Amino acid sequence: MKKNEYISPDYVKYALANTPQVTFEVTDACNLRCRYCGYGELYGDYDARENRRLSDQKALLLLDYLHTLWQSPLNVSYQKNIFISFYGGEPLMNMPFIESVVGHCETTLKSDLRTYTFSMTTNAILLDRYMDFLVLHDFHLLISLDGNEWGDSYRVDKGGKPSFNRVVQNVERLREAYPDFFERRVNFNAVLHNRNSVESIYDFFKVKYGKTPSIGELNNTGIRPEKRAEFNRMYRNATENLYQSEHYSEIEREMFMSSPTYKSTALFLRQYSGFTYRDYNELLFGKQSPEKQIPTGTCVPFSKKVFVTVNGKILPCERIGHQFALGCLTDDAVVLDFDAIAQRYNAWYAKLEKQCSACHLRRSCIQCIFNLPCIEEERVHCHGFMTAKDFERYRNVQMGFLYRHPEAYAKIMKEVVFE
């Protein structure tokens, strides 16, 4: 590779040909106005919300484009499962789009070389109308609910009325009508804030549904400067909050990879144990991936997923500001310039190489460049930088966790698969 070339255009195209997930922002319309929403008043790094809908014509164009890559020699997988995911806004507000994409995958794109799994993140307000279709096509559902009624009170409709009772009623309808589907395919996602806690969230879902939810913190990037104080009042750190729980050991054990402590230790073992492999090529031929040379923990574009916004912008992830789009969909073309994408990433990586080479966390870095507020500036500072002393403290935290939980190592190595 040339100097300051960390990824090549061919490698970006290879990553796209082997992407495991395609996510569509079905619509930017929503029937709720959650106070902390990433597309709400606290944030400013997204396109204006104008109640738009992504056209199925553009979506099918992209899927056909990807199908060609999936059928090409660039694709090295056999009988791979690809997740086709629907995101919003509230995706159920554009049901014709979902029906069109599902039908296209199950007919036109049907192949012996791959299968498709459909998934959706939904607020469940319209779940009662469309649950028959979702069950028929065996969707994986992630329902957004922040725990009990007070814990969920930031999730309100346009008129400011709580959504809790409507969501719970629809969840109950689904469970009563399709108990097996509910058990296999329905999970919950809760946002941690100042009106709930890890313990209250865990207790609510365990008692009411027999489920262990995933719990996420408020997004701390892209915040409007004038909203920083309000954000700080709402924000809670998941690890700190977990250890404030009266029964934190039990909760930690039951949540497993949904707990921040297990997740952190699993990442540490993945990077430092020497016993993990990304795929069978690494197992057989060694770890030759260019990722070893890439500064930061940023994913190679499209290696994890392809995300399409309601305006047709193509990004590598839904967590990234829309100003970082790597391509777009027009009415008759998929516009992706692999040379330009590689050049753009290489320029960002080059800015951070000196810092990263001196950082003691570099082997297990999870710092995404898109979460650095100054990535487009000439000088970039990574707030995840670790000195030798910082790293020793980090290592001691992980080893301390394993010392307190001697069963954790075997459980993680046996059960955890990173994708």
Protein backbone atom coordinates (compact mmCIF):
# COMPACT_ATOMS: atom_id res chain seq x y z
CA MET A 1 0.00 0.00 0.00
CA LYS A 2 1.02 3.59 -0.60
CA LYS A 3 1.92 5.88 2.27
CA ASN A 4 -1.19 7.04 4.14
CA GLU A 5 -3.29 4.43 2.32
CA TYR A 6 -4.96 2.28 4.94
CA ILE A 7 -7.82 0.94 2.84
CA SER A 8 -8.05 0.61 -0.92
CA PRO A 9 -11.07 1.21 -3.17
CA ASP A 10 -11.11 -2.54 -3.88
CA TYR A 11 -11.30 -3.32 -0.18
CA VAL A 12 -14.28 -0.97 0.26
CA LYS A 13 -16.03 -2.73 -2.62
CA TYR A 14 -15.13 -6.11 -1.09
CA ALA A 15 -16.65 -5.02 2.23
CA LEU A 16 -19.84 -3.96 0.48
CA ALA A 17 -20.06 -7.28 -1.36
CA ASN A 18 -19.90 -9.08 2.00
CA THR A 19 -21.97 -6.73 4.13
CA PRO A 20 -24.16 -8.62 6.61
CA GLN A 21 -26.94 -6.03 6.92
CA VAL A 22 -28.88 -3.47 4.90
CA THR A 23 -30.90 -0.97 6.91
CA PHE A 24 -33.47 1.39 5.43
CA GLU A 25 -34.72 4.54 7.10
CA VAL A 26 -38.24 3.85 5.91
CA THR A 27 -39.61 7.25 6.87
CA ASP A 28 -38.59 10.23 8.96
CA ALA A 29 -42.19 10.60 10.15
CA CYS A 30 -43.00 9.43 13.67
CA ASN A 31 -46.13 9.23 15.79
CA LEU A 32 -44.10 9.97 18.93
CA ARG A 33 -41.98 12.93 20.02
CA CYS A 34 -39.58 11.39 22.52
CA ARG A 35 -37.72 14.08 24.43
CA TYR A 36 -34.29 12.50 23.92
CA CYS A 37 -34.76 11.33 20.31
CA GLY A 38 -31.61 11.41 18.19
CA TYR A 39 -33.67 13.27 15.57
CA GLY A 40 -35.19 15.64 18.12
CA GLU A 41 -34.50 19.04 19.59
CA LEU A 42 -31.38 17.99 21.52
CA TYR A 43 -29.41 17.18 18.36
CA GLY A 44 -28.36 18.92 15.19
CA ASP A 45 -26.38 16.50 12.98
CA TYR A 46 -29.21 15.07 10.87
CA ASP A 47 -31.22 16.12 7.83
CA ALA A 48 -34.39 18.11 8.51
CA ARG A 49 -37.36 15.91 9.43
CA GLU A 50 -40.06 16.60 6.82
CA ASN A 51 -42.37 13.57 7.09
CA ARG A 52 -40.79 11.99 4.04
CA ARG A 53 -40.94 8.39 2.91
CA LEU A 54 -38.19 6.45 1.18
CA SER A 55 -39.47 5.22 -2.17
CA ASP A 56 -39.47 1.48 -2.72
CA GLN A 57 -38.12 2.15 -6.24
CA LYS A 58 -34.85 3.42 -4.76
CA ALA A 59 -34.66 0.62 -2.23
CA LEU A 60 -35.16 -2.09 -4.85
CA LEU A 61 -32.54 -0.40 -7.03
CA LEU A 62 -30.01 -0.69 -4.21
CA LEU A 63 -30.95 -4.30 -3.45
CA ASP A 64 -30.52 -5.25 -7.12
CA TYR A 65 -27.13 -3.49 -7.13
CA LEU A 66 -26.09 -5.41 -4.02
CA HIS A 67 -27.47 -8.66 -5.42
CA THR A 68 -25.05 -8.34 -8.33
CA LEU A 69 -22.15 -7.95 -5.87
CA TRP A 70 -23.45 -10.82 -3.72
CA GLN A 71 -23.45 -13.07 -6.82
CA SER A 72 -19.93 -11.99 -7.85
CA PRO A 73 -16.54 -13.55 -6.93
CA LEU A 74 -16.08 -10.68 -4.47
CA ASN A 75 -18.54 -12.39 -2.16
CA VAL A 76 -16.68 -15.07 -0.21
CA SER A 77 -19.54 -16.36 1.95
CA TYR A 78 -21.64 -19.46 1.44
CA GLN A 79 -25.31 -19.59 2.38
CA LYS A 80 -24.91 -16.30 4.20
CA ASN A 81 -27.80 -14.76 6.08
CA ILE A 82 -28.35 -11.07 5.37
CA PHE A 83 -30.40 -8.90 7.68
CA ILE A 84 -32.79 -6.53 5.93
CA SER A 85 -33.72 -4.00 8.59
CA PHE A 86 -36.33 -1.26 8.80
CA TYR A 87 -35.74 1.88 10.81
CA GLY A 88 -37.34 5.28 11.34
CA GLY A 89 -38.93 7.54 12.33
CA GLU A 90 -41.50 4.88 12.90
CA PRO A 91 -41.16 2.30 10.09
CA LEU A 92 -44.74 1.00 10.42
CA MET A 93 -45.93 4.40 9.15
CA ASN A 94 -44.69 3.34 5.69
CA MET A 95 -45.96 -0.23 5.53
CA PRO A 96 -46.27 -0.40 1.70
CA PHE A 97 -42.50 0.14 1.48
CA ILE A 98 -41.83 -2.74 3.89
CA GLU A 99 -44.18 -5.06 2.01
CA SER A 100 -42.49 -4.22 -1.29
CA VAL A 101 -38.95 -4.86 0.00
CA VAL A 102 -39.90 -8.11 1.71
CA GLY A 103 -41.67 -9.34 -1.43
CA HIS A 104 -38.66 -8.45 -3.62
CA CYS A 105 -36.24 -10.32 -1.36
CA GLU A 106 -38.43 -13.40 -1.18
CA THR A 107 -39.05 -13.61 -4.94
CA THR A 108 -36.71 -11.71 -7.27
CA LEU A 109 -33.64 -11.96 -5.03
CA LYS A 110 -34.25 -15.50 -3.83
CA SER A 111 -31.02 -17.49 -4.00
CA ASP A 112 -29.55 -20.78 -2.84
CA LEU A 113 -26.44 -18.80 -1.82
CA ARG A 114 -28.10 -16.69 0.85
CA THR A 115 -31.09 -16.22 3.10
CA TYR A 116 -32.76 -13.04 4.30
CA THR A 117 -33.84 -12.21 7.81
CA PHE A 118 -36.10 -9.22 8.35
CA SER A 119 -35.82 -7.04 11.43
CA MET A 120 -37.38 -3.85 12.68
CA THR A 121 -37.03 -1.32 15.47
CA THR A 122 -40.50 -0.05 16.34
CA ASN A 123 -42.30 1.97 19.01
CA ALA A 124 -45.23 -0.52 18.71
CA ILE A 125 -47.93 2.17 18.44
CA LEU A 126 -49.16 0.55 15.19
CA LEU A 127 -48.18 -2.99 16.08
CA ASP A 128 -51.76 -4.24 16.40
CA ARG A 129 -52.50 -3.30 12.76
CA TYR A 130 -49.55 -5.07 11.19
CA MET A 131 -48.53 -7.87 13.52
CA ASP A 132 -50.00 -10.59 11.26
CA PHE A 133 -47.64 -9.59 8.43
CA LEU A 134 -44.64 -9.37 10.77
CA VAL A 135 -45.34 -12.82 12.18
CA LEU A 136 -45.94 -14.32 8.72
CA HIS A 137 -42.50 -13.17 7.58
CA ASP A 138 -40.83 -14.07 10.89
CA PHE A 139 -39.52 -10.59 11.67
CA HIS A 140 -37.11 -9.95 14.52
CA LEU A 141 -38.75 -7.12 16.48
CA LEU A 142 -36.93 -4.72 18.77
CA ILE A 143 -39.56 -2.74 20.65
CA SER A 144 -38.58 0.58 22.22
CA LEU A 145 -39.84 0.90 25.78
CA ASP A 146 -38.01 2.46 28.72
CA GLY A 147 -39.38 0.30 31.51
CA ASN A 148 -42.28 1.15 33.81
CA GLU A 149 -44.70 4.03 33.27
CA TRP A 150 -42.55 6.71 34.92
CA GLY A 151 -39.37 5.38 33.33
CA ASP A 152 -41.08 5.57 29.93
CA SER A 153 -42.50 9.06 30.46
CA TYR A 154 -40.13 10.81 28.04
CA ARG A 155 -41.76 8.81 25.25
CA VAL A 156 -44.78 10.97 24.44
CA ASP A 157 -46.91 11.63 21.35
CA LYS A 158 -47.17 14.89 19.39
CA GLY A 159 -49.66 16.22 21.91
CA GLY A 160 -47.40 15.41 24.85
CA LYS A 161 -49.51 12.46 26.02
CA PRO A 162 -47.74 9.35 27.36
CA SER A 163 -47.42 6.37 25.03
CA PHE A 164 -46.82 3.72 27.71
CA ASN A 165 -50.33 2.25 27.98
CA ARG A 166 -50.83 2.06 24.21
CA VAL A 167 -47.51 0.29 23.71
CA VAL A 168 -48.06 -2.19 26.54
CA GLN A 169 -51.57 -3.00 25.26
CA ASN A 170 -50.22 -3.75 21.78
CA VAL A 171 -47.39 -5.86 23.16
CA GLU A 172 -49.95 -7.86 25.16
CA ARG A 173 -52.08 -8.36 22.02
CA LEU A 174 -49.06 -9.72 20.18
CA ARG A 175 -48.10 -12.04 23.03
CA GLU A 176 -51.64 -13.40 23.36
CA ALA A 177 -52.13 -13.93 19.62
CA TYR A 178 -48.65 -15.31 18.86
CA PRO A 179 -46.98 -16.59 22.06
CA ASP A 180 -44.31 -18.64 20.27
CA PHE A 181 -43.33 -15.73 18.02
CA PHE A 182 -43.22 -13.41 21.03
CA GLU A 183 -40.89 -15.74 22.85
CA ARG A 184 -38.54 -16.29 19.88
CA ARG A 185 -38.52 -13.01 18.02
CA VAL A 186 -39.46 -10.10 20.29
CA ASN A 187 -36.91 -8.17 22.32
CA PHE A 188 -36.89 -4.78 23.98
CA ASN A 189 -34.61 -1.78 23.89
CA ALA A 190 -34.61 0.80 26.69
CA VAL A 191 -32.85 4.14 26.92
CA LEU A 192 -31.28 4.99 30.27
CA HIS A 193 -31.94 8.50 31.60
CA ASN A 194 -32.75 10.40 34.80
CA ARG A 195 -36.27 8.97 35.15
CA ASN A 196 -35.29 5.30 35.23
CA SER A 197 -32.35 3.09 36.21
CA VAL A 198 -30.69 -0.12 35.06
CA GLU A 199 -32.35 -1.91 37.96
CA SER A 200 -35.86 -0.56 37.35
CA ILE A 201 -35.63 -1.35 33.63
CA TYR A 202 -34.33 -4.86 34.24
CA ASP A 203 -36.98 -5.59 36.90
CA PHE A 204 -39.84 -4.36 34.71
CA PHE A 205 -39.04 -6.55 31.71
CA LYS A 206 -38.01 -9.60 33.73
CA VAL A 207 -41.22 -9.60 35.75
CA LYS A 208 -43.67 -8.56 33.03
CA TYR A 209 -42.30 -10.39 30.00
CA GLY A 210 -39.58 -12.75 31.20
CA LYS A 211 -37.14 -10.87 28.92
CA THR A 212 -33.76 -9.26 29.42
CA PRO A 213 -33.71 -5.89 27.62
CA SER A 214 -30.81 -4.13 25.96
CA ILE A 215 -30.11 -0.83 27.67
CA GLY A 216 -28.46 2.09 25.90
CA GLU A 217 -27.21 5.46 27.02
CA LEU A 218 -28.29 8.72 25.46
CA ASN A 219 -26.31 9.53 22.32
CA ASN A 220 -23.60 12.01 23.35
CA THR A 221 -22.59 13.23 19.89
CA GLY A 222 -24.17 15.89 17.70
CA ILE A 223 -25.73 17.75 20.64
CA ARG A 224 -26.78 21.33 20.01
CA PRO A 225 -24.62 23.67 22.16
CA GLU A 226 -27.67 25.39 23.62
CA LYS A 227 -29.07 22.00 24.67
CA ARG A 228 -25.95 20.69 26.42
CA ALA A 229 -27.19 21.55 29.93
CA GLU A 230 -30.52 19.83 29.32
CA PHE A 231 -28.72 16.77 27.94
CA ASN A 232 -26.47 16.62 30.99
CA ARG A 233 -29.50 16.63 33.30
CA MET A 234 -30.99 13.66 31.46
CA TYR A 235 -27.82 11.60 30.88
CA ARG A 236 -26.86 8.61 33.03
CA ASN A 237 -23.79 6.38 32.64
CA ALA A 238 -24.87 2.73 32.37
CA THR A 239 -21.92 1.19 34.28
CA GLU A 240 -22.12 3.66 37.16
CA ASN A 241 -25.88 3.24 37.32
CA LEU A 242 -25.60 -0.55 37.35
CA TYR A 243 -23.27 -0.50 40.36
CA GLN A 244 -25.72 1.73 42.23
CA SER A 245 -28.28 -1.08 42.07
CA GLU A 246 -28.97 -3.00 45.26
CA HIS A 247 -28.79 -6.34 43.45
CA TYR A 248 -26.22 -5.40 40.83
CA SER A 249 -24.41 -8.77 40.85
CA GLU A 250 -27.58 -10.67 39.98
CA ILE A 251 -28.59 -8.12 37.35
CA GLU A 252 -25.10 -8.11 35.84
CA ARG A 253 -25.07 -11.90 35.58
CA GLU A 254 -28.58 -12.15 34.13
CA MET A 255 -28.05 -9.38 31.58
CA PHE A 256 -24.76 -10.91 30.42
CA MET A 257 -23.81 -9.17 27.14
CA SER A 258 -26.55 -6.59 27.65
CA SER A 259 -24.62 -5.35 30.70
CA PRO A 260 -21.84 -2.80 30.10
CA THR A 261 -19.36 -4.74 32.25
CA TYR A 262 -19.63 -8.07 30.43
CA LYS A 263 -19.58 -6.25 27.09
CA SER A 264 -16.38 -4.40 28.00
CA THR A 265 -14.64 -7.56 29.21
CA ALA A 266 -15.73 -9.51 26.12
CA LEU A 267 -14.19 -6.83 23.91
CA PHE A 268 -10.99 -6.99 25.97
CA LEU A 269 -10.79 -10.77 25.55
CA ARG A 270 -11.54 -10.51 21.85
CA GLN A 271 -8.60 -8.17 21.30
CA TYR A 272 -6.06 -9.63 23.74
CA SER A 273 -6.77 -13.34 24.20
CA GLY A 274 -5.40 -14.41 20.83
CA PHE A 275 -8.18 -17.00 20.53
CA THR A 276 -10.68 -15.11 18.40
CA TYR A 277 -10.98 -15.09 14.62
CA ARG A 278 -13.05 -12.88 12.40
CA ASP A 279 -13.70 -15.67 9.89
CA TYR A 280 -12.26 -18.99 8.70
CA ASN A 281 -9.67 -17.21 6.54
CA GLU A 282 -8.08 -15.71 9.66
CA LEU A 283 -8.20 -19.12 11.36
CA LEU A 284 -6.48 -20.91 8.47
CA PHE A 285 -4.13 -18.25 7.11
CA GLY A 286 -3.56 -15.84 9.99
CA LYS A 287 -4.81 -12.35 10.67
CA GLN A 288 -3.84 -10.56 7.50
CA SER A 289 -6.72 -8.07 7.49
CA PRO A 290 -5.75 -4.45 6.81
CA GLU A 291 -7.73 -3.57 9.93
CA LYS A 292 -4.53 -4.23 11.93
CA GLN A 293 -2.99 -1.19 10.29
CA ILE A 294 -5.96 1.15 10.55
CA PRO A 295 -5.84 3.89 13.17
CA THR A 296 -8.84 4.11 15.54
CA GLY A 297 -11.54 1.49 15.99
CA THR A 298 -13.60 2.77 13.08
CA CYS A 299 -15.23 0.05 10.98
CA VAL A 300 -14.16 -0.37 7.39
CA PRO A 301 -17.04 1.24 5.46
CA PHE A 302 -19.90 -1.23 4.83
CA SER A 303 -18.18 -4.08 6.67
CA LYS A 304 -20.94 -4.07 9.32
CA LYS A 305 -23.90 -2.68 7.41
CA VAL A 306 -25.24 -0.32 4.77
CA PHE A 307 -27.60 2.37 5.99
CA VAL A 308 -29.86 4.36 3.65
CA THR A 309 -31.56 7.53 4.91
CA VAL A 310 -35.03 8.59 3.91
CA ASN A 311 -33.39 11.10 1.54
CA GLY A 312 -31.41 8.39 -0.21
CA LYS A 313 -28.05 9.08 1.43
CA ILE A 314 -25.85 6.01 1.84
CA LEU A 315 -23.90 5.70 5.10
CA PRO A 316 -22.03 2.88 6.85
CA CYS A 317 -24.15 3.18 10.01
CA GLU A 318 -27.28 4.84 11.40
CA ARG A 319 -25.28 6.30 14.30
CA ILE A 320 -23.30 8.59 12.00
CA GLY A 321 -24.23 12.19 11.19
CA HIS A 322 -25.85 12.56 7.78
CA GLN A 323 -23.15 15.02 6.72
CA PHE A 324 -20.82 12.03 6.35
CA ALA A 325 -22.79 10.32 3.58
CA LEU A 326 -20.61 8.18 1.29
CA GLY A 327 -23.00 7.99 -1.65
CA CYS A 328 -26.63 8.34 -2.62
CA LEU A 329 -29.56 6.81 -4.44
CA THR A 330 -31.15 8.63 -7.37
CA ASP A 331 -34.30 7.53 -9.16
CA ASP A 332 -32.27 5.43 -11.58
CA ALA A 333 -28.79 4.85 -10.13
CA VAL A 334 -26.73 3.86 -7.10
CA VAL A 335 -24.01 6.49 -6.78
CA LEU A 336 -20.96 5.09 -4.98
CA ASP A 337 -17.41 6.18 -5.81
CA PHE A 338 -15.12 3.66 -4.13
CA ASP A 339 -12.00 5.69 -4.93
CA ALA A 340 -13.47 8.79 -3.29
CA ILE A 341 -14.64 6.82 -0.25
CA ALA A 342 -11.19 5.28 0.28
CA GLN A 343 -9.49 8.66 -0.13
CA ARG A 344 -11.84 10.26 2.37
CA TYR A 345 -11.25 7.58 5.00
CA ASN A 346 -7.51 7.52 4.42
CA ALA A 347 -7.34 11.28 4.97
CA TRP A 348 -9.18 10.92 8.28
CA TYR A 349 -7.00 8.01 9.37
CA ALA A 350 -3.81 9.91 8.50
CA LYS A 351 -4.79 12.72 10.86
CA LEU A 352 -4.91 10.27 13.76
CA GLU A 353 -2.05 7.90 12.97
CA LYS A 354 0.51 9.64 15.21
CA GLN A 355 -1.85 9.65 18.20
CA CYS A 356 -2.98 6.08 17.57
CA SER A 357 0.56 4.72 17.25
CA ALA A 358 1.36 6.12 20.71
CA CYS A 359 -1.92 4.99 22.29
CA HIS A 360 -1.76 1.94 24.55
CA LEU A 361 -5.39 1.02 23.82
CA ARG A 362 -4.87 0.71 20.09
CA ARG A 363 -5.38 -3.08 19.92
CA SER A 364 -8.82 -2.83 21.51
CA CYS A 365 -9.80 0.65 20.40
CA ILE A 366 -13.51 1.20 19.80
CA GLN A 367 -13.24 4.92 19.08
CA CYS A 368 -15.22 5.78 15.97
CA ILE A 369 -13.85 8.77 14.08
CA PHE A 370 -17.38 9.99 13.45
CA ASN A 371 -17.82 10.54 17.18
CA LEU A 372 -14.88 12.95 17.27
CA PRO A 373 -16.32 16.49 17.04
CA CYS A 374 -13.38 17.89 15.08
CA ILE A 375 -12.74 15.19 12.47
CA GLU A 376 -13.03 17.62 9.56
CA GLU A 377 -10.51 20.02 11.10
CA GLU A 378 -6.78 19.92 10.41
CA ARG A 379 -5.86 18.94 13.99
CA VAL A 380 -7.86 16.17 15.58
CA HIS A 381 -7.72 15.10 19.22
CA CYS A 382 -8.98 11.67 20.23
CA HIS A 383 -10.59 11.74 23.67
CA GLY A 384 -10.09 7.98 23.98
CA PHE A 385 -6.28 8.26 23.97
CA MET A 386 -4.60 6.17 26.70
CA THR A 387 -1.17 6.49 28.24
CA ALA A 388 0.59 3.45 29.71
CA LYS A 389 -0.84 4.29 33.15
CA ASP A 390 -4.33 4.76 31.71
CA PHE A 391 -4.10 1.39 29.97
CA GLU A 392 -2.89 -0.37 33.11
CA ARG A 393 -5.95 0.96 34.94
CA TYR A 394 -8.18 -0.22 32.08
CA ARG A 395 -6.53 -3.66 32.11
CA ASN A 396 -6.91 -3.92 35.88
CA VAL A 397 -10.62 -3.16 35.62
CA GLN A 398 -11.10 -6.01 33.13
CA MET A 399 -8.93 -8.46 35.07
CA GLY A 400 -10.66 -7.42 38.28
CA PHE A 401 -14.00 -8.26 36.74
CA LEU A 402 -12.73 -11.72 35.74
CA TYR A 403 -11.29 -12.23 39.24
CA ARG A 404 -14.68 -11.44 40.81
CA HIS A 405 -16.51 -13.55 38.21
CA PRO A 406 -14.31 -16.61 37.51
CA GLU A 407 -17.11 -18.17 35.45
CA ALA A 408 -17.24 -15.19 33.07
CA TYR A 409 -14.24 -16.17 30.92
CA ALA A 410 -15.61 -19.57 29.93
CA LYS A 411 -19.10 -18.15 29.37
CA ILE A 412 -17.85 -15.35 27.12
CA MET A 413 -15.51 -17.56 25.10
CA LYS A 414 -18.20 -20.22 24.66
CA GLU A 415 -21.26 -18.11 23.96
CA VAL A 416 -20.23 -14.76 22.49
CA VAL A 417 -19.94 -14.24 18.75
CA PHE A 418 -18.88 -10.82 17.46
CA GLU A 419 -20.29 -9.82 14.09
